[in-house]
C-alpha cells in the first residue's frame, strides 16, 4: 500500500496504459479520480474498481480545451479534497490522429495544432490548475508520459507532430521541476518504449526483436514506474525522464 492515503488524479485512463496504471494506483491504496474524453470508458473503469473495494471516480476532460481542464480540476478537488499526485497520460493517439501525422509538407496545420493542443498545451494547462492545489499541501508528485520517440530523431519520420510534442513534454518536466521543486513539487516523466497494448501477433513479434529482454513490455511495466515516482520512496528523483523500454534505446 505504497500510496495509502494519497489523493491521485490521472488524465487519460479509459484505455491502454492509463487504464492499467489507474487500477494499479488504486491497488496501492490511493483514492483516484480518472479523467478522459472517453467518459464511458473511464466510468466503466471506476465502476470495476469500486466493485473490487477501491475508491475511484471518473470525470470527462478534453485536454484540447482550457475550459474543460479547469472544470475537471475543480471537480476533482471537490471529490478528493486535495491532490497529492498527478499522472498526465492523455494524448491524441487515435488512429485518425496517427494517420494524419505525416510530414511537415503534407500535414494539415489544423491537425498539427490539435496534436500540440492536446499533447503539450493540455499538459501545461493541467499543471497550471494542479500545482496551486498541490502547493496547498506543501507539494506533491507529478508524472508525465513522454515517449522513447522523443529521443530518436529517425523514429519521427512518420509522426513528427507526436514526437515533437513529446520532446516538448520533456522540457516541460524539467521546467516544472526546477521552477517549483523547492516548494515541494516533484515532476518526472516515464518514456515508454515498445509496449504490448493489444498488438497483433505480427507487430508483437516485430517489436520483440527490438528489445534486450525475453518478453515485450506490458502496461504493468509503465504502471510500476509511475507508482514509484508518485510514492514518497522516490523523494530524491526530480526532473528525470525514466525510460521503460526493455533496452530498445540506451541513453
C-alpha atoms as a PDB file:
ATOM      1  CA  UNK A   1       0.000   0.000   0.000  1.00  0.00           C
ATOM      2  CA  UNK A   2       2.669   2.480  -1.096  1.00  0.00           C
ATOM      3  CA  UNK A   3       0.096   5.173  -1.916  1.00  0.00           C
ATOM      4  CA  UNK A   4      -2.231   4.703   1.047  1.00  0.00           C
ATOM      5  CA  UNK A   5      -3.958   7.960   1.921  1.00  0.00           C
ATOM      6  CA  UNK A   6      -2.856   9.691  -1.281  1.00  0.00           C
ATOM      7  CA  UNK A   7      -5.295  11.582  -3.479  1.00  0.00           C
ATOM      8  CA  UNK A   8      -4.279  10.972  -7.084  1.00  0.00           C
ATOM      9  CA  UNK A   9      -5.576  12.458 -10.337  1.00  0.00           C
ATOM     10  CA  UNK A  10      -4.965  10.633 -13.611  1.00  0.00           C
ATOM     11  CA  UNK A  11      -5.718  12.069 -17.051  1.00  0.00           C
ATOM     12  CA  UNK A  12      -6.034   9.602 -19.907  1.00  0.00           C
ATOM     13  CA  UNK A  13      -7.176   6.464 -18.112  1.00  0.00           C
ATOM     14  CA  UNK A  14     -10.048   4.998 -20.111  1.00  0.00           C
ATOM     15  CA  UNK A  15      -7.899   2.559 -22.095  1.00  0.00           C
ATOM     16  CA  UNK A  16      -4.413   1.126 -22.505  1.00  0.00           C
ATOM     17  CA  UNK A  17      -1.536   2.087 -20.229  1.00  0.00           C
ATOM     18  CA  UNK A  18      -3.583   4.686 -18.360  1.00  0.00           C
ATOM     19  CA  UNK A  19      -6.358   2.212 -17.586  1.00  0.00           C
ATOM     20  CA  UNK A  20      -3.998  -0.381 -16.167  1.00  0.00           C
ATOM     21  CA  UNK A  21      -1.985   2.211 -14.241  1.00  0.00           C
ATOM     22  CA  UNK A  22      -5.146   3.622 -12.657  1.00  0.00           C
ATOM     23  CA  UNK A  23      -6.041   0.146 -11.389  1.00  0.00           C
ATOM     24  CA  UNK A  24      -2.533  -0.344 -10.011  1.00  0.00           C
ATOM     25  CA  UNK A  25      -2.566   3.051  -8.276  1.00  0.00           C
ATOM     26  CA  UNK A  26      -5.875   2.142  -6.646  1.00  0.00           C
ATOM     27  CA  UNK A  27      -4.475  -1.227  -5.554  1.00  0.00           C
ATOM     28  CA  UNK A  28      -1.728   0.700  -3.743  1.00  0.00           C
ATOM     29  CA  UNK A  29      -4.310   2.390  -1.536  1.00  0.00           C
ATOM     30  CA  UNK A  30      -4.873   5.742  -3.253  1.00  0.00           C
ATOM     31  CA  UNK A  31      -8.186   7.473  -3.900  1.00  0.00           C
ATOM     32  CA  UNK A  32      -8.245   8.191  -7.628  1.00  0.00           C
ATOM     33  CA  UNK A  33     -10.113  10.486  -9.995  1.00  0.00           C
ATOM     34  CA  UNK A  34      -9.715   9.480 -13.637  1.00  0.00           C
ATOM     35  CA  UNK A  35     -10.307  11.961 -16.430  1.00  0.00           C
ATOM     36  CA  UNK A  36     -10.747  11.099 -20.077  1.00  0.00           C
ATOM     37  CA  UNK A  37     -12.517  12.372 -23.172  1.00  0.00           C
ATOM     38  CA  UNK A  38     -13.930   8.820 -23.335  1.00  0.00           C
ATOM     39  CA  UNK A  39     -16.152   9.223 -20.279  1.00  0.00           C
ATOM     40  CA  UNK A  40     -17.927   5.894 -20.775  1.00  0.00           C
ATOM     41  CA  UNK A  41     -14.609   4.043 -20.664  1.00  0.00           C
ATOM     42  CA  UNK A  42     -13.460   5.953 -17.599  1.00  0.00           C
ATOM     43  CA  UNK A  43     -16.757   5.320 -15.804  1.00  0.00           C
ATOM     44  CA  UNK A  44     -16.563   1.613 -16.590  1.00  0.00           C
ATOM     45  CA  UNK A  45     -13.074   1.510 -15.076  1.00  0.00           C
ATOM     46  CA  UNK A  46     -14.176   3.391 -11.958  1.00  0.00           C
ATOM     47  CA  UNK A  47     -17.145   1.072 -11.519  1.00  0.00           C
ATOM     48  CA  UNK A  48     -14.938  -2.020 -11.654  1.00  0.00           C
ATOM     49  CA  UNK A  49     -12.508  -0.545  -9.129  1.00  0.00           C
ATOM     50  CA  UNK A  50     -15.302   0.363  -6.719  1.00  0.00           C
ATOM     51  CA  UNK A  51     -16.781  -3.111  -7.063  1.00  0.00           C
ATOM     52  CA  UNK A  52     -13.389  -4.515  -6.042  1.00  0.00           C
ATOM     53  CA  UNK A  53     -13.327  -2.325  -2.912  1.00  0.00           C
ATOM     54  CA  UNK A  54     -11.305   0.656  -4.129  1.00  0.00           C
ATOM     55  CA  UNK A  55     -12.225   4.335  -4.356  1.00  0.00           C
ATOM     56  CA  UNK A  56     -12.308   5.796  -7.848  1.00  0.00           C
ATOM     57  CA  UNK A  57     -14.445   8.321  -9.676  1.00  0.00           C
ATOM     58  CA  UNK A  58     -14.488   9.354 -13.333  1.00  0.00           C
ATOM     59  CA  UNK A  59     -14.896  12.744 -14.969  1.00  0.00           C
ATOM     60  CA  UNK A  60     -14.932  13.990 -18.531  1.00  0.00           C
ATOM     61  CA  UNK A  61     -11.991  16.092 -19.691  1.00  0.00           C
ATOM     62  CA  UNK A  62     -10.783  17.262 -23.081  1.00  0.00           C
ATOM     63  CA  UNK A  63      -7.089  18.103 -22.964  1.00  0.00           C
ATOM     64  CA  UNK A  64      -7.577  20.303 -26.003  1.00  0.00           C
ATOM     65  CA  UNK A  65      -9.914  22.643 -24.120  1.00  0.00           C
ATOM     66  CA  UNK A  66      -8.790  25.074 -21.422  1.00  0.00           C
ATOM     67  CA  UNK A  67     -12.328  25.392 -20.064  1.00  0.00           C
ATOM     68  CA  UNK A  68     -12.689  21.611 -19.837  1.00  0.00           C
ATOM     69  CA  UNK A  69      -9.381  21.248 -17.983  1.00  0.00           C
ATOM     70  CA  UNK A  70     -10.233  23.971 -15.471  1.00  0.00           C
ATOM     71  CA  UNK A  71     -13.645  22.434 -14.806  1.00  0.00           C
ATOM     72  CA  UNK A  72     -12.114  18.973 -14.431  1.00  0.00           C
ATOM     73  CA  UNK A  73      -9.609  20.004 -11.763  1.00  0.00           C
ATOM     74  CA  UNK A  74     -12.211  21.997  -9.845  1.00  0.00           C
ATOM     75  CA  UNK A  75     -14.452  18.932  -9.810  1.00  0.00           C
ATOM     76  CA  UNK A  76     -11.575  16.583  -8.950  1.00  0.00           C
ATOM     77  CA  UNK A  77     -10.587  18.727  -5.979  1.00  0.00           C
ATOM     78  CA  UNK A  78     -14.202  18.740  -4.861  1.00  0.00           C
ATOM     79  CA  UNK A  79     -14.315  14.950  -4.908  1.00  0.00           C
ATOM     80  CA  UNK A  80     -10.873  14.304  -3.390  1.00  0.00           C
ATOM     81  CA  UNK A  81     -10.499  17.323  -1.122  1.00  0.00           C
ATOM     82  CA  UNK A  82      -6.990  17.912  -2.422  1.00  0.00           C
ATOM     83  CA  UNK A  83      -4.410  16.468  -4.832  1.00  0.00           C
ATOM     84  CA  UNK A  84      -1.190  14.757  -3.737  1.00  0.00           C
ATOM     85  CA  UNK A  85      -0.228  13.247  -7.076  1.00  0.00           C
ATOM     86  CA  UNK A  86      -0.913  13.722 -10.775  1.00  0.00           C
ATOM     87  CA  UNK A  87      -0.308  11.388 -13.702  1.00  0.00           C
ATOM     88  CA  UNK A  88      -0.640  13.139 -17.076  1.00  0.00           C
ATOM     89  CA  UNK A  89      -1.055  10.433 -19.676  1.00  0.00           C
ATOM     90  CA  UNK A  90      -3.573  11.706 -22.235  1.00  0.00           C
ATOM     91  CA  UNK A  91      -2.549  12.206 -25.868  1.00  0.00           C
ATOM     92  CA  UNK A  92      -4.009  12.430 -29.357  1.00  0.00           C
ATOM     93  CA  UNK A  93      -3.076   8.893 -30.408  1.00  0.00           C
ATOM     94  CA  UNK A  94      -6.280   7.666 -32.022  1.00  0.00           C
ATOM     95  CA  UNK A  95      -5.982   6.062 -35.463  1.00  0.00           C
ATOM     96  CA  UNK A  96      -7.098   9.216 -37.268  1.00  0.00           C
ATOM     97  CA  UNK A  97      -4.538  11.388 -35.483  1.00  0.00           C
ATOM     98  CA  UNK A  98      -1.689   8.983 -36.223  1.00  0.00           C
ATOM     99  CA  UNK A  99      -2.746   8.613 -39.860  1.00  0.00           C
ATOM    100  CA  UNK A 100      -2.767  12.382 -40.420  1.00  0.00           C
ATOM    101  CA  UNK A 101       0.574  12.934 -38.653  1.00  0.00           C
ATOM    102  CA  UNK A 102       2.601  12.502 -41.834  1.00  0.00           C
ATOM    103  CA  UNK A 103       5.256  15.128 -42.599  1.00  0.00           C
ATOM    104  CA  UNK A 104       5.620  18.888 -42.337  1.00  0.00           C
ATOM    105  CA  UNK A 105       4.831  19.486 -46.018  1.00  0.00           C
ATOM    106  CA  UNK A 106       1.649  17.466 -46.361  1.00  0.00           C
ATOM    107  CA  UNK A 107       0.181  17.598 -42.865  1.00  0.00           C
ATOM    108  CA  UNK A 108      -2.760  19.951 -42.399  1.00  0.00           C
ATOM    109  CA  UNK A 109      -1.804  22.634 -39.911  1.00  0.00           C
ATOM    110  CA  UNK A 110      -5.170  22.286 -38.202  1.00  0.00           C
ATOM    111  CA  UNK A 111      -4.198  18.726 -37.336  1.00  0.00           C
ATOM    112  CA  UNK A 112      -0.762  19.847 -36.155  1.00  0.00           C
ATOM    113  CA  UNK A 113      -2.431  22.421 -33.916  1.00  0.00           C
ATOM    114  CA  UNK A 114      -4.708  19.756 -32.442  1.00  0.00           C
ATOM    115  CA  UNK A 115      -1.755  17.470 -31.604  1.00  0.00           C
ATOM    116  CA  UNK A 116       0.064  20.305 -29.862  1.00  0.00           C
ATOM    117  CA  UNK A 117      -3.117  21.465 -28.129  1.00  0.00           C
ATOM    118  CA  UNK A 118      -3.731  18.025 -26.593  1.00  0.00           C
ATOM    119  CA  UNK A 119      -0.244  16.568 -26.123  1.00  0.00           C
ATOM    120  CA  UNK A 120       1.607  19.661 -24.935  1.00  0.00           C
ATOM    121  CA  UNK A 121      -0.638  22.658 -24.273  1.00  0.00           C
ATOM    122  CA  UNK A 122      -3.068  20.374 -22.439  1.00  0.00           C
ATOM    123  CA  UNK A 123      -0.263  19.294 -20.115  1.00  0.00           C
ATOM    124  CA  UNK A 124       0.721  22.903 -19.433  1.00  0.00           C
ATOM    125  CA  UNK A 125      -2.875  23.853 -18.674  1.00  0.00           C
ATOM    126  CA  UNK A 126      -3.244  20.827 -16.407  1.00  0.00           C
ATOM    127  CA  UNK A 127      -0.174  21.849 -14.432  1.00  0.00           C
ATOM    128  CA  UNK A 128      -1.493  25.414 -14.155  1.00  0.00           C
ATOM    129  CA  UNK A 129      -4.611  24.005 -12.476  1.00  0.00           C
ATOM    130  CA  UNK A 130      -2.984  21.237 -10.422  1.00  0.00           C
ATOM    131  CA  UNK A 131       0.126  22.899  -9.000  1.00  0.00           C
ATOM    132  CA  UNK A 132      -1.700  25.583  -6.940  1.00  0.00           C
ATOM    133  CA  UNK A 133      -3.837  22.839  -5.374  1.00  0.00           C
ATOM    134  CA  UNK A 134      -0.771  20.723  -4.597  1.00  0.00           C
ATOM    135  CA  UNK A 135       1.065  23.681  -3.099  1.00  0.00           C
ATOM    136  CA  UNK A 136      -1.712  23.986  -0.529  1.00  0.00           C
ATOM    137  CA  UNK A 137      -0.430  20.643   0.833  1.00  0.00           C
ATOM    138  CA  UNK A 138       3.201  21.679   0.693  1.00  0.00           C
ATOM    139  CA  UNK A 139       3.757  19.950  -2.647  1.00  0.00           C
ATOM    140  CA  UNK A 140       3.247  16.647  -4.376  1.00  0.00           C
ATOM    141  CA  UNK A 141       4.442  14.438  -7.205  1.00  0.00           C
ATOM    142  CA  UNK A 142       3.681  14.837 -10.914  1.00  0.00           C
ATOM    143  CA  UNK A 143       4.407  12.217 -13.555  1.00  0.00           C
ATOM    144  CA  UNK A 144       4.051  12.921 -17.282  1.00  0.00           C
ATOM    145  CA  UNK A 145       4.026  10.377 -20.086  1.00  0.00           C
ATOM    146  CA  UNK A 146       6.711  11.126 -22.640  1.00  0.00           C
ATOM    147  CA  UNK A 147       7.872   8.643 -25.283  1.00  0.00           C
ATOM    148  CA  UNK A 148      11.004   6.873 -26.404  1.00  0.00           C
ATOM    149  CA  UNK A 149      10.388   8.526 -29.774  1.00  0.00           C
ATOM    150  CA  UNK A 150      11.131  11.917 -28.241  1.00  0.00           C
ATOM    151  CA  UNK A 151      14.798  10.859 -28.083  1.00  0.00           C
ATOM    152  CA  UNK A 152      15.096   9.191 -31.519  1.00  0.00           C
ATOM    153  CA  UNK A 153      15.174  11.540 -34.495  1.00  0.00           C
ATOM    154  CA  UNK A 154      14.859   8.697 -37.029  1.00  0.00           C
ATOM    155  CA  UNK A 155      11.733   7.496 -35.238  1.00  0.00           C
ATOM    156  CA  UNK A 156       9.946  10.705 -36.156  1.00  0.00           C
ATOM    157  CA  UNK A 157       9.982  10.199 -39.917  1.00  0.00           C
ATOM    158  CA  UNK A 158       6.291   9.328 -39.980  1.00  0.00           C
ATOM    159  CA  UNK A 159       4.795  11.029 -36.899  1.00  0.00           C
ATOM    160  CA  UNK A 160       6.703  14.296 -36.386  1.00  0.00           C
ATOM    161  CA  UNK A 161       3.862  16.045 -34.570  1.00  0.00           C
ATOM    162  CA  UNK A 162       3.630  13.369 -31.907  1.00  0.00           C
ATOM    163  CA  UNK A 163       7.406  13.165 -31.467  1.00  0.00           C
ATOM    164  CA  UNK A 164       7.866  16.922 -31.186  1.00  0.00           C
ATOM    165  CA  UNK A 165       5.005  17.243 -28.729  1.00  0.00           C
ATOM    166  CA  UNK A 166       6.632  14.618 -26.508  1.00  0.00           C
ATOM    167  CA  UNK A 167      10.009  16.341 -26.767  1.00  0.00           C
ATOM    168  CA  UNK A 168       8.184  19.438 -25.545  1.00  0.00           C
ATOM    169  CA  UNK A 169       6.822  17.429 -22.614  1.00  0.00           C
ATOM    170  CA  UNK A 170      10.422  16.568 -21.657  1.00  0.00           C
ATOM    171  CA  UNK A 171      11.293  20.272 -21.465  1.00  0.00           C
ATOM    172  CA  UNK A 172       8.098  20.976 -19.538  1.00  0.00           C
ATOM    173  CA  UNK A 173       9.090  18.337 -16.971  1.00  0.00           C
ATOM    174  CA  UNK A 174      12.488  19.952 -16.442  1.00  0.00           C
ATOM    175  CA  UNK A 175      10.976  23.430 -16.197  1.00  0.00           C
ATOM    176  CA  UNK A 176       8.382  22.346 -13.652  1.00  0.00           C
ATOM    177  CA  UNK A 177      10.944  20.514 -11.530  1.00  0.00           C
ATOM    178  CA  UNK A 178      13.379  23.415 -11.499  1.00  0.00           C
ATOM    179  CA  UNK A 179      10.777  26.134 -11.023  1.00  0.00           C
ATOM    180  CA  UNK A 180       8.674  24.538  -8.270  1.00  0.00           C
ATOM    181  CA  UNK A 181      10.948  21.911  -6.722  1.00  0.00           C
ATOM    182  CA  UNK A 182      11.932  23.970  -3.696  1.00  0.00           C
ATOM    183  CA  UNK A 183       8.238  24.460  -2.973  1.00  0.00           C
ATOM    184  CA  UNK A 184       7.754  20.711  -2.689  1.00  0.00           C
ATOM    185  CA  UNK A 185       6.651  19.881  -6.231  1.00  0.00           C
ATOM    186  CA  UNK A 186       8.370  16.953  -7.909  1.00  0.00           C
ATOM    187  CA  UNK A 187       7.924  16.409 -11.635  1.00  0.00           C
ATOM    188  CA  UNK A 188       9.265  13.442 -13.589  1.00  0.00           C
ATOM    189  CA  UNK A 189       8.405  11.547 -16.726  1.00  0.00           C
ATOM    190  CA  UNK A 190       8.102   7.989 -17.973  1.00  0.00           C
ATOM    191  CA  UNK A 191       9.139   7.335 -21.556  1.00  0.00           C
ATOM    192  CA  UNK A 192       7.583   4.054 -22.724  1.00  0.00           C
ATOM    193  CA  UNK A 193       9.240   2.047 -25.445  1.00  0.00           C
ATOM    194  CA  UNK A 194       7.507  -0.782 -27.288  1.00  0.00           C
ATOM    195  CA  UNK A 195       4.617  -1.903 -25.077  1.00  0.00           C
ATOM    196  CA  UNK A 196       2.138  -4.655 -25.847  1.00  0.00           C
ATOM    197  CA  UNK A 197      -1.212  -2.889 -25.638  1.00  0.00           C
ATOM    198  CA  UNK A 198      -3.227  -5.444 -27.562  1.00  0.00           C
ATOM    199  CA  UNK A 199      -0.978  -5.528 -30.627  1.00  0.00           C
ATOM    200  CA  UNK A 200      -1.485  -8.159 -33.310  1.00  0.00           C
ATOM    201  CA  UNK A 201       0.906 -11.118 -33.338  1.00  0.00           C
ATOM    202  CA  UNK A 202       2.915  -9.721 -36.259  1.00  0.00           C
ATOM    203  CA  UNK A 203       3.569  -6.401 -34.553  1.00  0.00           C
ATOM    204  CA  UNK A 204       4.295  -8.117 -31.254  1.00  0.00           C
ATOM    205  CA  UNK A 205       6.904 -10.350 -32.857  1.00  0.00           C
ATOM    206  CA  UNK A 206       8.474  -7.430 -34.748  1.00  0.00           C
ATOM    207  CA  UNK A 207       8.798  -5.226 -31.675  1.00  0.00           C
ATOM    208  CA  UNK A 208      10.030  -8.123 -29.524  1.00  0.00           C
ATOM    209  CA  UNK A 209      13.108  -8.242 -31.741  1.00  0.00           C
ATOM    210  CA  UNK A 210      13.934  -4.632 -30.844  1.00  0.00           C
ATOM    211  CA  UNK A 211      14.294  -5.118 -27.086  1.00  0.00           C
ATOM    212  CA  UNK A 212      17.054  -6.661 -24.969  1.00  0.00           C
ATOM    213  CA  UNK A 213      14.809  -8.685 -22.665  1.00  0.00           C
ATOM    214  CA  UNK A 214      12.981 -12.002 -23.242  1.00  0.00           C
ATOM    215  CA  UNK A 215       9.478 -10.519 -23.497  1.00  0.00           C
ATOM    216  CA  UNK A 216       7.860  -7.376 -24.859  1.00  0.00           C
ATOM    217  CA  UNK A 217       6.795  -4.872 -22.206  1.00  0.00           C
ATOM    218  CA  UNK A 218       3.242  -4.681 -20.897  1.00  0.00           C
ATOM    219  CA  UNK A 219       1.269  -1.784 -19.337  1.00  0.00           C
ATOM    220  CA  UNK A 220       2.133  -3.049 -15.846  1.00  0.00           C
ATOM    221  CA  UNK A 221       5.761  -2.126 -16.512  1.00  0.00           C
ATOM    222  CA  UNK A 222       4.779   1.503 -17.038  1.00  0.00           C
ATOM    223  CA  UNK A 223       2.370   1.432 -14.102  1.00  0.00           C
ATOM    224  CA  UNK A 224       5.103   0.204 -11.752  1.00  0.00           C
ATOM    225  CA  UNK A 225       7.380   3.086 -12.746  1.00  0.00           C
ATOM    226  CA  UNK A 226       4.562   5.609 -12.292  1.00  0.00           C
ATOM    227  CA  UNK A 227       3.738   4.289  -8.822  1.00  0.00           C
ATOM    228  CA  UNK A 228       7.391   4.520  -7.804  1.00  0.00           C
ATOM    229  CA  UNK A 229       7.529   8.161  -8.938  1.00  0.00           C
ATOM    230  CA  UNK A 230       4.259   9.058  -7.203  1.00  0.00           C
ATOM    231  CA  UNK A 231       5.268   7.404  -3.934  1.00  0.00           C
ATOM    232  CA  UNK A 232       7.317   9.011  -1.174  1.00  0.00           C
ATOM    233  CA  UNK A 233      10.077   6.448  -1.762  1.00  0.00           C
ATOM    234  CA  UNK A 234      11.211   8.447  -4.812  1.00  0.00           C
ATOM    235  CA  UNK A 235      11.535  11.747  -2.951  1.00  0.00           C
ATOM    236  CA  UNK A 236      15.019  12.429  -4.362  1.00  0.00           C
ATOM    237  CA  UNK A 237      14.111  11.803  -8.000  1.00  0.00           C
ATOM    238  CA  UNK A 238      13.438  15.131  -9.667  1.00  0.00           C
ATOM    239  CA  UNK A 239      13.230  16.332 -13.274  1.00  0.00           C
ATOM    240  CA  UNK A 240      14.043  12.932 -14.779  1.00  0.00           C
ATOM    241  CA  UNK A 241      12.717  11.056 -17.796  1.00  0.00           C
ATOM    242  CA  UNK A 242      12.698   7.366 -16.889  1.00  0.00           C
ATOM    243  CA  UNK A 243      12.897   5.131 -19.958  1.00  0.00           C
ATOM    244  CA  UNK A 244      10.844   1.938 -19.615  1.00  0.00           C
ATOM    245  CA  UNK A 245      11.774   0.245 -22.855  1.00  0.00           C
ATOM    246  CA  UNK A 246      13.401  -3.144 -22.335  1.00  0.00           C
ATOM    247  CA  UNK A 247      16.666  -1.819 -23.718  1.00  0.00           C
ATOM    248  CA  UNK A 248      15.380  -0.804 -27.140  1.00  0.00           C
ATOM    249  CA  UNK A 249      17.201   2.501 -26.624  1.00  0.00           C
ATOM    250  CA  UNK A 250      20.184   3.306 -24.419  1.00  0.00           C
ATOM    251  CA  UNK A 251      20.893   6.901 -23.400  1.00  0.00           C
END
